[in-house]
N, C-alpha and C. Protein backbone atom coordinates (compact mmCIF):
# COMPACT_ATOMS: atom_id res chain seq x y z
N MET A 1 -7.84 13.98 -23.17
CA MET A 1 -6.55 13.30 -23.24
C MET A 1 -5.48 14.17 -22.59
N THR A 2 -4.57 13.56 -21.88
CA THR A 2 -3.53 14.29 -21.20
C THR A 2 -2.56 14.89 -22.19
N ASP A 3 -2.22 16.16 -21.99
CA ASP A 3 -1.31 16.86 -22.88
C ASP A 3 0.11 16.69 -22.38
N SER A 4 0.98 16.09 -23.18
CA SER A 4 2.38 15.93 -22.80
C SER A 4 3.29 16.60 -23.82
N SER A 5 2.78 17.62 -24.50
CA SER A 5 3.49 18.18 -25.64
C SER A 5 4.31 19.40 -25.33
N GLY A 6 4.46 19.78 -24.08
CA GLY A 6 5.25 20.96 -23.78
C GLY A 6 4.40 22.20 -23.77
N GLY A 7 5.07 23.38 -23.78
CA GLY A 7 4.34 24.63 -23.74
C GLY A 7 4.32 25.23 -22.35
N GLY A 8 4.78 24.48 -21.33
CA GLY A 8 4.83 25.01 -19.98
C GLY A 8 6.14 25.72 -19.74
N GLU A 9 6.36 26.15 -18.50
CA GLU A 9 7.56 26.87 -18.13
C GLU A 9 8.59 25.87 -17.64
N TRP A 10 9.64 25.68 -18.42
CA TRP A 10 10.60 24.61 -18.09
C TRP A 10 11.96 25.15 -17.71
N TYR A 11 12.09 26.43 -17.46
CA TYR A 11 13.35 27.00 -16.99
C TYR A 11 14.51 26.66 -17.92
N GLY A 12 14.28 26.67 -19.23
CA GLY A 12 15.36 26.47 -20.17
C GLY A 12 15.63 25.04 -20.54
N VAL A 13 14.89 24.08 -20.00
CA VAL A 13 15.08 22.66 -20.33
C VAL A 13 13.91 22.20 -21.18
N GLU A 14 14.18 21.52 -22.27
CA GLU A 14 13.13 21.07 -23.16
C GLU A 14 12.26 20.02 -22.50
N PRO A 15 10.92 20.12 -22.64
CA PRO A 15 10.03 19.10 -22.08
C PRO A 15 10.40 17.72 -22.61
N GLY A 16 10.37 16.75 -21.70
CA GLY A 16 10.64 15.37 -22.08
C GLY A 16 12.11 15.07 -22.22
N GLY A 17 12.97 16.06 -22.04
CA GLY A 17 14.40 15.83 -22.20
C GLY A 17 15.06 15.45 -20.89
N ALA A 18 16.37 15.27 -20.96
CA ALA A 18 17.22 15.03 -19.79
C ALA A 18 16.83 13.79 -19.01
N GLY A 19 16.33 12.78 -19.68
CA GLY A 19 15.97 11.54 -19.00
C GLY A 19 16.86 10.41 -19.42
N PRO A 20 17.14 9.45 -18.52
CA PRO A 20 17.90 8.27 -18.90
C PRO A 20 17.16 7.49 -19.97
N GLY A 21 17.85 6.69 -20.75
CA GLY A 21 17.19 5.85 -21.74
C GLY A 21 16.28 4.85 -21.09
N GLU A 22 15.22 4.45 -21.78
CA GLU A 22 14.24 3.55 -21.17
C GLU A 22 14.85 2.21 -20.78
N GLY A 23 15.92 1.80 -21.45
CA GLY A 23 16.52 0.52 -21.09
C GLY A 23 17.53 0.63 -19.97
N GLU A 24 17.77 1.88 -19.45
CA GLU A 24 18.77 2.08 -18.42
C GLU A 24 18.11 2.21 -17.06
N SER A 25 18.92 2.07 -16.02
CA SER A 25 18.41 2.19 -14.66
C SER A 25 18.53 3.61 -14.15
N GLY A 26 19.13 4.50 -14.93
CA GLY A 26 19.28 5.87 -14.49
C GLY A 26 20.73 6.27 -14.51
N ALA A 27 21.00 7.53 -14.17
CA ALA A 27 22.36 8.01 -14.13
C ALA A 27 23.10 7.35 -12.99
N VAL A 28 24.42 7.37 -13.07
CA VAL A 28 25.25 6.79 -12.02
C VAL A 28 25.82 7.92 -11.18
N GLU A 29 25.85 7.74 -9.87
CA GLU A 29 26.34 8.76 -8.98
C GLU A 29 27.80 9.06 -9.28
N SER A 30 28.24 10.26 -8.87
CA SER A 30 29.57 10.71 -9.21
C SER A 30 30.65 9.78 -8.69
N GLY A 31 30.39 9.07 -7.61
CA GLY A 31 31.37 8.16 -7.07
C GLY A 31 31.43 6.84 -7.80
N GLY A 32 30.55 6.64 -8.80
CA GLY A 32 30.57 5.41 -9.57
C GLY A 32 29.69 4.33 -9.01
N ALA A 33 28.93 4.62 -7.95
CA ALA A 33 28.08 3.61 -7.34
C ALA A 33 26.86 3.36 -8.20
N ALA A 34 26.34 2.12 -8.15
CA ALA A 34 25.12 1.81 -8.89
C ALA A 34 23.97 2.57 -8.27
N PRO A 35 22.94 2.97 -9.04
CA PRO A 35 21.82 3.73 -8.50
C PRO A 35 20.97 2.95 -7.52
N PHE A 36 21.02 1.62 -7.54
CA PHE A 36 20.33 0.84 -6.53
C PHE A 36 21.06 -0.49 -6.35
N PRO A 37 20.97 -1.06 -5.15
CA PRO A 37 21.66 -2.32 -4.90
C PRO A 37 21.05 -3.46 -5.69
N VAL A 38 21.87 -4.35 -6.17
CA VAL A 38 21.41 -5.50 -6.94
C VAL A 38 21.93 -6.77 -6.27
N GLU A 39 21.01 -7.64 -5.89
CA GLU A 39 21.41 -8.89 -5.27
C GLU A 39 21.51 -9.97 -6.33
N SER A 40 22.51 -10.81 -6.20
CA SER A 40 22.72 -11.87 -7.17
C SER A 40 21.52 -12.81 -7.19
N GLY A 41 20.92 -12.97 -8.36
CA GLY A 41 19.77 -13.85 -8.49
C GLY A 41 18.47 -13.26 -8.00
N GLY A 42 18.51 -12.02 -7.48
CA GLY A 42 17.29 -11.41 -6.96
C GLY A 42 16.44 -10.80 -8.07
N ALA A 43 15.17 -10.56 -7.76
CA ALA A 43 14.27 -9.95 -8.73
C ALA A 43 14.63 -8.49 -8.93
N ALA A 44 14.44 -7.98 -10.14
CA ALA A 44 14.70 -6.58 -10.42
C ALA A 44 13.69 -5.72 -9.67
N PRO A 45 14.09 -4.52 -9.23
CA PRO A 45 13.14 -3.63 -8.55
C PRO A 45 11.97 -3.28 -9.47
N ARG A 46 10.83 -3.02 -8.87
CA ARG A 46 9.64 -2.57 -9.59
C ARG A 46 9.94 -1.21 -10.25
N ARG A 47 9.62 -1.08 -11.53
CA ARG A 47 9.86 0.16 -12.25
C ARG A 47 8.69 1.12 -12.03
N VAL A 48 9.01 2.31 -11.52
CA VAL A 48 7.98 3.26 -11.10
C VAL A 48 8.24 4.62 -11.72
N ALA A 49 7.17 5.30 -12.14
CA ALA A 49 7.23 6.68 -12.61
C ALA A 49 6.44 7.55 -11.66
N ARG A 50 7.04 8.64 -11.20
CA ARG A 50 6.36 9.57 -10.30
C ARG A 50 6.36 10.97 -10.89
N VAL A 51 5.45 11.81 -10.39
CA VAL A 51 5.25 13.13 -10.97
C VAL A 51 5.37 14.20 -9.90
N VAL A 52 6.26 15.15 -10.14
CA VAL A 52 6.38 16.34 -9.32
C VAL A 52 5.53 17.40 -10.00
N LEU A 53 4.26 17.48 -9.61
CA LEU A 53 3.29 18.34 -10.29
C LEU A 53 3.24 19.70 -9.60
N LEU A 54 3.53 20.76 -10.36
CA LEU A 54 3.50 22.13 -9.84
C LEU A 54 2.37 22.90 -10.48
N ASP A 55 1.70 23.74 -9.68
CA ASP A 55 0.65 24.59 -10.22
C ASP A 55 1.24 25.96 -10.59
N PRO A 56 0.43 26.89 -11.11
CA PRO A 56 0.98 28.19 -11.51
C PRO A 56 1.63 28.98 -10.37
N ASP A 57 1.30 28.63 -9.13
CA ASP A 57 1.91 29.29 -7.97
C ASP A 57 3.07 28.50 -7.39
N ASP A 58 3.57 27.52 -8.15
CA ASP A 58 4.71 26.69 -7.74
C ASP A 58 4.41 25.82 -6.51
N ARG A 59 3.14 25.52 -6.29
CA ARG A 59 2.80 24.57 -5.23
C ARG A 59 2.88 23.15 -5.80
N ILE A 60 3.22 22.21 -4.94
CA ILE A 60 3.35 20.81 -5.35
C ILE A 60 2.17 20.01 -4.81
N LEU A 61 1.68 19.08 -5.63
CA LEU A 61 0.55 18.24 -5.22
C LEU A 61 1.08 16.94 -4.63
N LEU A 62 0.64 16.63 -3.40
CA LEU A 62 1.04 15.39 -2.74
C LEU A 62 -0.19 14.60 -2.31
N LEU A 63 -0.04 13.28 -2.28
CA LEU A 63 -1.07 12.37 -1.81
C LEU A 63 -0.79 12.01 -0.36
N HIS A 64 -1.86 11.78 0.41
CA HIS A 64 -1.74 11.39 1.82
C HIS A 64 -2.04 9.91 1.94
N GLY A 65 -1.03 9.13 2.26
CA GLY A 65 -1.20 7.69 2.35
C GLY A 65 -1.11 7.18 3.77
N TYR A 66 -1.57 5.95 3.97
CA TYR A 66 -1.46 5.33 5.29
C TYR A 66 -1.38 3.82 5.13
N GLU A 67 -0.88 3.17 6.16
CA GLU A 67 -0.78 1.72 6.18
C GLU A 67 -2.18 1.14 6.39
N PRO A 68 -2.66 0.26 5.48
CA PRO A 68 -4.03 -0.25 5.60
C PRO A 68 -4.33 -0.90 6.96
N GLU A 69 -3.34 -1.57 7.53
CA GLU A 69 -3.57 -2.25 8.81
C GLU A 69 -3.29 -1.35 10.01
N ASP A 70 -2.80 -0.14 9.76
CA ASP A 70 -2.49 0.79 10.85
C ASP A 70 -2.69 2.22 10.35
N PRO A 71 -3.95 2.69 10.29
CA PRO A 71 -4.24 4.01 9.73
C PRO A 71 -3.54 5.18 10.42
N ALA A 72 -3.00 4.95 11.62
CA ALA A 72 -2.28 6.02 12.31
C ALA A 72 -0.90 6.24 11.70
N GLN A 73 -0.42 5.27 10.94
CA GLN A 73 0.89 5.39 10.29
C GLN A 73 0.68 6.03 8.92
N THR A 74 1.01 7.32 8.81
CA THR A 74 0.70 8.07 7.60
C THR A 74 1.95 8.74 7.02
N TRP A 75 1.84 9.17 5.76
CA TRP A 75 2.91 9.88 5.09
C TRP A 75 2.34 10.58 3.86
N TRP A 76 3.14 11.51 3.31
CA TRP A 76 2.79 12.22 2.09
C TRP A 76 3.76 11.81 0.99
N PHE A 77 3.28 11.75 -0.25
CA PHE A 77 4.14 11.31 -1.35
C PHE A 77 3.61 11.84 -2.68
N THR A 78 4.45 11.78 -3.71
CA THR A 78 4.07 12.27 -5.03
C THR A 78 3.21 11.27 -5.77
N PRO A 79 2.34 11.73 -6.66
CA PRO A 79 1.56 10.80 -7.50
C PRO A 79 2.48 9.93 -8.34
N GLY A 80 2.01 8.74 -8.67
CA GLY A 80 2.78 7.85 -9.53
C GLY A 80 2.58 6.40 -9.16
N GLY A 81 3.21 5.52 -9.93
CA GLY A 81 3.07 4.09 -9.67
C GLY A 81 3.84 3.26 -10.67
N GLY A 82 3.63 1.96 -10.61
CA GLY A 82 4.38 1.03 -11.43
C GLY A 82 3.93 1.00 -12.87
N LEU A 83 4.87 0.64 -13.74
CA LEU A 83 4.57 0.51 -15.17
C LEU A 83 3.68 -0.70 -15.40
N GLU A 84 2.80 -0.59 -16.38
CA GLU A 84 1.92 -1.70 -16.77
C GLU A 84 2.24 -2.14 -18.19
N GLY A 85 2.40 -3.43 -18.39
CA GLY A 85 2.65 -3.97 -19.72
C GLY A 85 3.88 -3.36 -20.38
N ALA A 86 3.69 -2.87 -21.61
CA ALA A 86 4.81 -2.32 -22.38
C ALA A 86 4.89 -0.80 -22.26
N GLU A 87 4.28 -0.22 -21.24
CA GLU A 87 4.31 1.22 -21.05
C GLU A 87 5.74 1.76 -20.93
N THR A 88 5.94 2.97 -21.43
CA THR A 88 7.16 3.71 -21.12
C THR A 88 6.95 4.40 -19.77
N ARG A 89 8.02 4.92 -19.23
CA ARG A 89 7.89 5.66 -17.97
C ARG A 89 7.00 6.89 -18.15
N GLU A 90 7.16 7.60 -19.26
CA GLU A 90 6.34 8.78 -19.49
C GLU A 90 4.86 8.42 -19.55
N GLU A 91 4.53 7.35 -20.24
CA GLU A 91 3.14 6.92 -20.35
C GLU A 91 2.58 6.55 -18.97
N ALA A 92 3.39 5.86 -18.17
CA ALA A 92 2.94 5.48 -16.83
C ALA A 92 2.73 6.71 -15.95
N ALA A 93 3.62 7.69 -16.07
CA ALA A 93 3.49 8.91 -15.27
C ALA A 93 2.17 9.62 -15.59
N LEU A 94 1.86 9.75 -16.87
CA LEU A 94 0.62 10.42 -17.27
C LEU A 94 -0.61 9.64 -16.83
N ARG A 95 -0.60 8.32 -17.02
CA ARG A 95 -1.75 7.49 -16.62
C ARG A 95 -1.98 7.56 -15.12
N GLU A 96 -0.91 7.39 -14.35
CA GLU A 96 -1.04 7.40 -12.90
C GLU A 96 -1.55 8.74 -12.39
N LEU A 97 -1.10 9.82 -13.01
CA LEU A 97 -1.54 11.14 -12.57
C LEU A 97 -3.04 11.30 -12.75
N VAL A 98 -3.56 10.86 -13.88
CA VAL A 98 -5.00 10.93 -14.13
C VAL A 98 -5.76 10.05 -13.15
N GLU A 99 -5.29 8.81 -12.97
CA GLU A 99 -5.99 7.88 -12.10
C GLU A 99 -6.02 8.35 -10.65
N GLU A 100 -4.92 8.92 -10.18
CA GLU A 100 -4.81 9.27 -8.76
C GLU A 100 -5.29 10.68 -8.42
N THR A 101 -5.32 11.59 -9.43
CA THR A 101 -5.70 12.97 -9.15
C THR A 101 -6.84 13.49 -10.01
N GLY A 102 -7.10 12.86 -11.15
CA GLY A 102 -8.11 13.35 -12.07
C GLY A 102 -7.64 14.53 -12.91
N ILE A 103 -6.40 14.94 -12.76
CA ILE A 103 -5.88 16.11 -13.49
C ILE A 103 -5.34 15.67 -14.85
N THR A 104 -5.83 16.31 -15.90
CA THR A 104 -5.41 15.96 -17.26
C THR A 104 -4.72 17.12 -17.98
N ASP A 105 -4.94 18.33 -17.54
CA ASP A 105 -4.40 19.50 -18.23
C ASP A 105 -2.99 19.78 -17.72
N ILE A 106 -2.01 19.00 -18.19
CA ILE A 106 -0.64 19.15 -17.72
C ILE A 106 0.33 19.11 -18.88
N ASP A 107 1.53 19.64 -18.62
CA ASP A 107 2.67 19.52 -19.52
C ASP A 107 3.72 18.70 -18.80
N LEU A 108 4.08 17.56 -19.38
CA LEU A 108 5.08 16.69 -18.76
C LEU A 108 6.47 17.10 -19.23
N GLY A 109 7.35 17.30 -18.27
CA GLY A 109 8.70 17.76 -18.56
C GLY A 109 9.75 16.69 -18.34
N PRO A 110 10.96 17.09 -18.00
CA PRO A 110 12.09 16.17 -17.89
C PRO A 110 12.09 15.36 -16.60
N VAL A 111 12.92 14.33 -16.59
CA VAL A 111 13.16 13.56 -15.38
C VAL A 111 14.07 14.39 -14.47
N LEU A 112 13.65 14.61 -13.24
CA LEU A 112 14.42 15.40 -12.28
C LEU A 112 15.38 14.54 -11.48
N TRP A 113 14.84 13.44 -10.94
CA TRP A 113 15.59 12.61 -10.00
C TRP A 113 15.28 11.14 -10.25
N THR A 114 16.19 10.28 -9.86
CA THR A 114 15.93 8.84 -9.80
C THR A 114 16.36 8.35 -8.43
N ARG A 115 15.74 7.28 -7.97
CA ARG A 115 16.16 6.73 -6.68
C ARG A 115 15.72 5.28 -6.57
N TYR A 116 16.44 4.54 -5.72
CA TYR A 116 16.03 3.20 -5.31
C TYR A 116 15.46 3.33 -3.92
N CYS A 117 14.33 2.67 -3.67
CA CYS A 117 13.77 2.64 -2.32
C CYS A 117 13.23 1.25 -2.02
N SER A 118 13.19 0.93 -0.75
CA SER A 118 12.67 -0.37 -0.30
C SER A 118 11.96 -0.14 1.03
N PHE A 119 10.71 -0.64 1.11
CA PHE A 119 9.92 -0.34 2.29
C PHE A 119 8.85 -1.42 2.50
N PRO A 120 8.42 -1.62 3.75
CA PRO A 120 7.31 -2.54 4.00
C PRO A 120 5.98 -1.82 3.85
N PHE A 121 5.00 -2.50 3.23
CA PHE A 121 3.68 -1.90 3.05
C PHE A 121 2.68 -3.00 2.74
N ASP A 122 1.55 -2.98 3.44
CA ASP A 122 0.48 -3.94 3.21
C ASP A 122 0.97 -5.39 3.28
N GLY A 123 1.82 -5.67 4.25
CA GLY A 123 2.23 -7.05 4.51
C GLY A 123 3.33 -7.60 3.63
N ARG A 124 3.99 -6.76 2.83
CA ARG A 124 5.07 -7.24 1.98
C ARG A 124 6.12 -6.13 1.83
N ARG A 125 7.27 -6.50 1.28
CA ARG A 125 8.32 -5.52 1.02
C ARG A 125 8.31 -5.11 -0.44
N TRP A 126 8.42 -3.82 -0.68
CA TRP A 126 8.41 -3.25 -2.03
C TRP A 126 9.79 -2.70 -2.34
N ASP A 127 10.39 -3.17 -3.43
CA ASP A 127 11.68 -2.67 -3.90
C ASP A 127 11.43 -1.94 -5.21
N GLN A 128 11.78 -0.64 -5.28
CA GLN A 128 11.37 0.17 -6.42
C GLN A 128 12.52 0.99 -7.00
N ASP A 129 12.54 1.08 -8.33
CA ASP A 129 13.42 1.96 -9.09
C ASP A 129 12.54 3.09 -9.61
N GLU A 130 12.65 4.27 -8.99
CA GLU A 130 11.70 5.35 -9.25
C GLU A 130 12.34 6.49 -10.06
N TRP A 131 11.58 6.99 -11.04
CA TRP A 131 11.95 8.19 -11.80
C TRP A 131 10.93 9.26 -11.48
N TYR A 132 11.40 10.46 -11.21
CA TYR A 132 10.53 11.59 -10.87
C TYR A 132 10.52 12.60 -12.02
N TYR A 133 9.34 12.76 -12.65
CA TYR A 133 9.17 13.70 -13.75
C TYR A 133 8.63 15.03 -13.25
N LEU A 134 9.15 16.11 -13.80
CA LEU A 134 8.55 17.42 -13.56
C LEU A 134 7.32 17.57 -14.45
N ALA A 135 6.27 18.15 -13.90
CA ALA A 135 5.07 18.46 -14.69
C ALA A 135 4.47 19.75 -14.17
N ARG A 136 3.80 20.45 -15.08
CA ARG A 136 3.11 21.69 -14.69
C ARG A 136 1.67 21.64 -15.18
N THR A 137 0.79 22.23 -14.37
CA THR A 137 -0.60 22.39 -14.78
C THR A 137 -0.87 23.88 -14.93
N ARG A 138 -1.69 24.24 -15.92
CA ARG A 138 -1.95 25.66 -16.19
C ARG A 138 -2.95 26.26 -15.22
N ARG A 139 -3.67 25.42 -14.50
CA ARG A 139 -4.64 25.93 -13.53
C ARG A 139 -4.66 25.00 -12.33
N THR A 140 -5.03 25.55 -11.20
CA THR A 140 -5.05 24.78 -9.97
C THR A 140 -6.42 24.16 -9.73
N GLU A 141 -6.43 22.84 -9.63
CA GLU A 141 -7.67 22.16 -9.24
C GLU A 141 -7.82 22.31 -7.73
N PRO A 142 -8.86 23.02 -7.24
CA PRO A 142 -8.98 23.24 -5.80
C PRO A 142 -9.15 21.96 -4.99
N ALA A 143 -9.78 20.97 -5.58
CA ALA A 143 -10.00 19.70 -4.87
C ALA A 143 -9.82 18.55 -5.84
N PRO A 144 -8.57 18.20 -6.18
CA PRO A 144 -8.34 17.07 -7.10
C PRO A 144 -8.98 15.80 -6.56
N ARG A 145 -9.53 15.00 -7.46
CA ARG A 145 -10.19 13.76 -7.03
C ARG A 145 -9.70 12.59 -7.85
N PRO A 146 -9.35 11.50 -7.18
CA PRO A 146 -8.93 10.30 -7.92
C PRO A 146 -10.03 9.82 -8.85
N GLN A 147 -9.62 9.20 -9.96
CA GLN A 147 -10.58 8.73 -10.96
C GLN A 147 -10.65 7.21 -11.07
N ALA A 148 -9.54 6.52 -10.81
CA ALA A 148 -9.52 5.07 -11.02
C ALA A 148 -8.50 4.42 -10.10
N LEU A 149 -8.84 4.36 -8.82
CA LEU A 149 -7.93 3.78 -7.85
C LEU A 149 -8.05 2.26 -7.81
N THR A 150 -6.93 1.60 -7.50
CA THR A 150 -6.95 0.16 -7.28
C THR A 150 -7.54 -0.13 -5.90
N ASP A 151 -7.81 -1.39 -5.62
CA ASP A 151 -8.34 -1.77 -4.31
C ASP A 151 -7.37 -1.36 -3.21
N LEU A 152 -6.08 -1.59 -3.43
CA LEU A 152 -5.09 -1.24 -2.42
C LEU A 152 -5.04 0.27 -2.21
N GLU A 153 -5.13 1.04 -3.29
CA GLU A 153 -5.11 2.50 -3.15
C GLU A 153 -6.35 2.99 -2.41
N ASN A 154 -7.49 2.36 -2.67
CA ASN A 154 -8.71 2.74 -1.95
C ASN A 154 -8.58 2.49 -0.45
N ARG A 155 -7.76 1.49 -0.10
CA ARG A 155 -7.58 1.14 1.31
C ARG A 155 -6.42 1.89 1.97
N SER A 156 -5.72 2.75 1.21
CA SER A 156 -4.51 3.35 1.78
C SER A 156 -4.32 4.83 1.42
N LEU A 157 -5.31 5.46 0.78
CA LEU A 157 -5.20 6.89 0.45
C LEU A 157 -6.25 7.68 1.22
N ALA A 158 -5.79 8.74 1.89
CA ALA A 158 -6.70 9.56 2.69
C ALA A 158 -7.07 10.87 2.01
N GLY A 159 -6.34 11.28 0.97
CA GLY A 159 -6.66 12.53 0.30
C GLY A 159 -5.46 13.12 -0.41
N LEU A 160 -5.62 14.35 -0.92
CA LEU A 160 -4.58 15.06 -1.64
C LEU A 160 -4.60 16.52 -1.20
N ARG A 161 -3.47 17.21 -1.36
CA ARG A 161 -3.46 18.65 -1.12
C ARG A 161 -2.26 19.28 -1.80
N TRP A 162 -2.40 20.59 -2.09
CA TRP A 162 -1.30 21.38 -2.64
C TRP A 162 -0.47 21.95 -1.50
N TRP A 163 0.85 21.93 -1.66
CA TRP A 163 1.79 22.43 -0.65
C TRP A 163 2.67 23.51 -1.26
N THR A 164 2.86 24.61 -0.53
CA THR A 164 3.89 25.57 -0.93
C THR A 164 5.24 25.02 -0.47
N SER A 165 6.30 25.57 -1.03
CA SER A 165 7.64 25.16 -0.61
C SER A 165 7.85 25.43 0.88
N ALA A 166 7.36 26.58 1.35
CA ALA A 166 7.52 26.92 2.77
C ALA A 166 6.75 25.95 3.66
N GLU A 167 5.54 25.59 3.26
CA GLU A 167 4.76 24.63 4.06
C GLU A 167 5.45 23.28 4.12
N LEU A 168 6.02 22.85 3.00
CA LEU A 168 6.70 21.56 2.97
C LEU A 168 7.94 21.59 3.86
N SER A 169 8.66 22.69 3.83
CA SER A 169 9.87 22.81 4.66
C SER A 169 9.53 22.80 6.14
N ALA A 170 8.36 23.31 6.50
CA ALA A 170 7.96 23.39 7.91
C ALA A 170 7.21 22.14 8.38
N ALA A 171 6.89 21.24 7.47
CA ALA A 171 6.06 20.08 7.82
C ALA A 171 6.78 19.16 8.81
N ARG A 172 6.03 18.68 9.78
CA ARG A 172 6.55 17.70 10.73
C ARG A 172 6.09 16.28 10.39
N GLU A 173 5.25 16.17 9.38
CA GLU A 173 4.76 14.87 8.96
C GLU A 173 5.80 14.18 8.07
N THR A 174 5.66 12.88 7.93
CA THR A 174 6.57 12.12 7.08
C THR A 174 6.27 12.40 5.63
N VAL A 175 7.31 12.67 4.84
CA VAL A 175 7.18 12.94 3.41
C VAL A 175 8.22 12.11 2.68
N TYR A 176 7.83 11.52 1.55
CA TYR A 176 8.77 10.76 0.72
C TYR A 176 8.82 11.35 -0.68
N PRO A 177 10.06 11.43 -1.26
CA PRO A 177 11.33 11.12 -0.62
C PRO A 177 11.61 12.09 0.53
N THR A 178 12.41 11.65 1.48
CA THR A 178 12.58 12.42 2.71
C THR A 178 13.22 13.78 2.48
N ARG A 179 13.93 13.97 1.39
CA ARG A 179 14.56 15.26 1.08
C ARG A 179 13.69 16.12 0.15
N LEU A 180 12.41 15.81 0.04
CA LEU A 180 11.59 16.49 -0.95
C LEU A 180 11.55 18.00 -0.75
N ALA A 181 11.46 18.46 0.48
CA ALA A 181 11.41 19.91 0.72
C ALA A 181 12.67 20.60 0.18
N GLU A 182 13.81 20.02 0.47
CA GLU A 182 15.08 20.57 -0.03
C GLU A 182 15.16 20.50 -1.55
N LEU A 183 14.75 19.37 -2.10
CA LEU A 183 14.79 19.19 -3.55
C LEU A 183 13.87 20.18 -4.26
N LEU A 184 12.70 20.43 -3.69
CA LEU A 184 11.76 21.38 -4.29
C LEU A 184 12.32 22.79 -4.25
N ARG A 185 12.92 23.18 -3.13
CA ARG A 185 13.52 24.51 -3.04
C ARG A 185 14.59 24.69 -4.11
N THR A 186 15.43 23.68 -4.29
CA THR A 186 16.50 23.75 -5.29
C THR A 186 15.90 23.85 -6.69
N LEU A 187 14.86 23.07 -6.95
CA LEU A 187 14.20 23.10 -8.26
C LEU A 187 13.65 24.48 -8.56
N LEU A 188 12.98 25.09 -7.60
CA LEU A 188 12.38 26.40 -7.82
C LEU A 188 13.43 27.49 -7.94
N ASP A 189 14.54 27.35 -7.22
CA ASP A 189 15.59 28.36 -7.26
C ASP A 189 16.48 28.25 -8.50
N GLU A 190 16.78 27.01 -8.90
CA GLU A 190 17.78 26.80 -9.94
C GLU A 190 17.23 26.20 -11.23
N GLY A 191 16.00 25.70 -11.20
CA GLY A 191 15.45 25.02 -12.36
C GLY A 191 15.87 23.57 -12.39
N PRO A 192 15.37 22.81 -13.37
CA PRO A 192 15.69 21.38 -13.46
C PRO A 192 17.18 21.15 -13.70
N PRO A 193 17.71 20.05 -13.21
CA PRO A 193 19.11 19.72 -13.47
C PRO A 193 19.32 19.38 -14.94
N SER A 194 20.54 19.52 -15.43
CA SER A 194 20.83 19.20 -16.84
C SER A 194 20.74 17.72 -17.11
N ALA A 195 20.88 16.90 -16.08
CA ALA A 195 20.71 15.45 -16.16
C ALA A 195 20.08 15.00 -14.86
N PRO A 196 19.31 13.89 -14.88
CA PRO A 196 18.64 13.44 -13.65
C PRO A 196 19.64 13.22 -12.51
N VAL A 197 19.25 13.68 -11.33
CA VAL A 197 20.07 13.51 -10.13
C VAL A 197 19.72 12.19 -9.47
N VAL A 198 20.74 11.38 -9.16
CA VAL A 198 20.51 10.11 -8.49
C VAL A 198 20.49 10.36 -6.98
N LEU A 199 19.34 10.17 -6.36
CA LEU A 199 19.20 10.36 -4.92
C LEU A 199 19.75 9.16 -4.18
N ALA A 200 20.14 9.38 -2.95
CA ALA A 200 20.63 8.29 -2.11
C ALA A 200 19.50 7.27 -1.91
N PRO A 201 19.81 5.97 -1.92
CA PRO A 201 18.77 4.96 -1.68
C PRO A 201 18.10 5.19 -0.32
N GLU A 202 16.80 4.90 -0.27
CA GLU A 202 16.05 4.97 0.99
C GLU A 202 15.51 3.58 1.28
N ILE A 203 15.98 3.01 2.38
CA ILE A 203 15.55 1.67 2.78
C ILE A 203 14.94 1.78 4.18
N VAL A 204 13.67 1.48 4.26
CA VAL A 204 12.95 1.62 5.53
C VAL A 204 12.78 0.27 6.18
């Protein structure tokens, strides 16, 4: 069973703390703008939980994805996915991490960032309200392996790898969120924010 009870290195922030309430869309930017655009009568964005998983050497685990109809179109991204049923965001983050990486020995920490994103993928447009949780693992899995991928994930995932902050900063490949290298450097230098940071919307 996945351990979400704390005990990891949280830089002075209590595990599971500093997150918006489950009924909220996240913190509001300092200028008072909504965290994501809302169209009158439109469907609410898909609720997503993502995991910024760090190993004992402060490397981050990213998945390598591609467009099913165009395998040359690739990108790197954090583990995570949409909520199922009555799941909380924390429960979804833990479930998705196990399904996509097979890693269970983790401590789930606070929400670091929230963002709205919208992008085309697999023939449709995806509108998402994403929360990014910090998590740490006590040991590095040299070759993490997915355990329970969906059909779409099987058709669009090429693998996983651990990245150092320096490697991520030097990467020329597409990474989402696009500011991840900068955000990771800030996280490692300063620790988690006292409240989740609302990232600028990304619409592709």
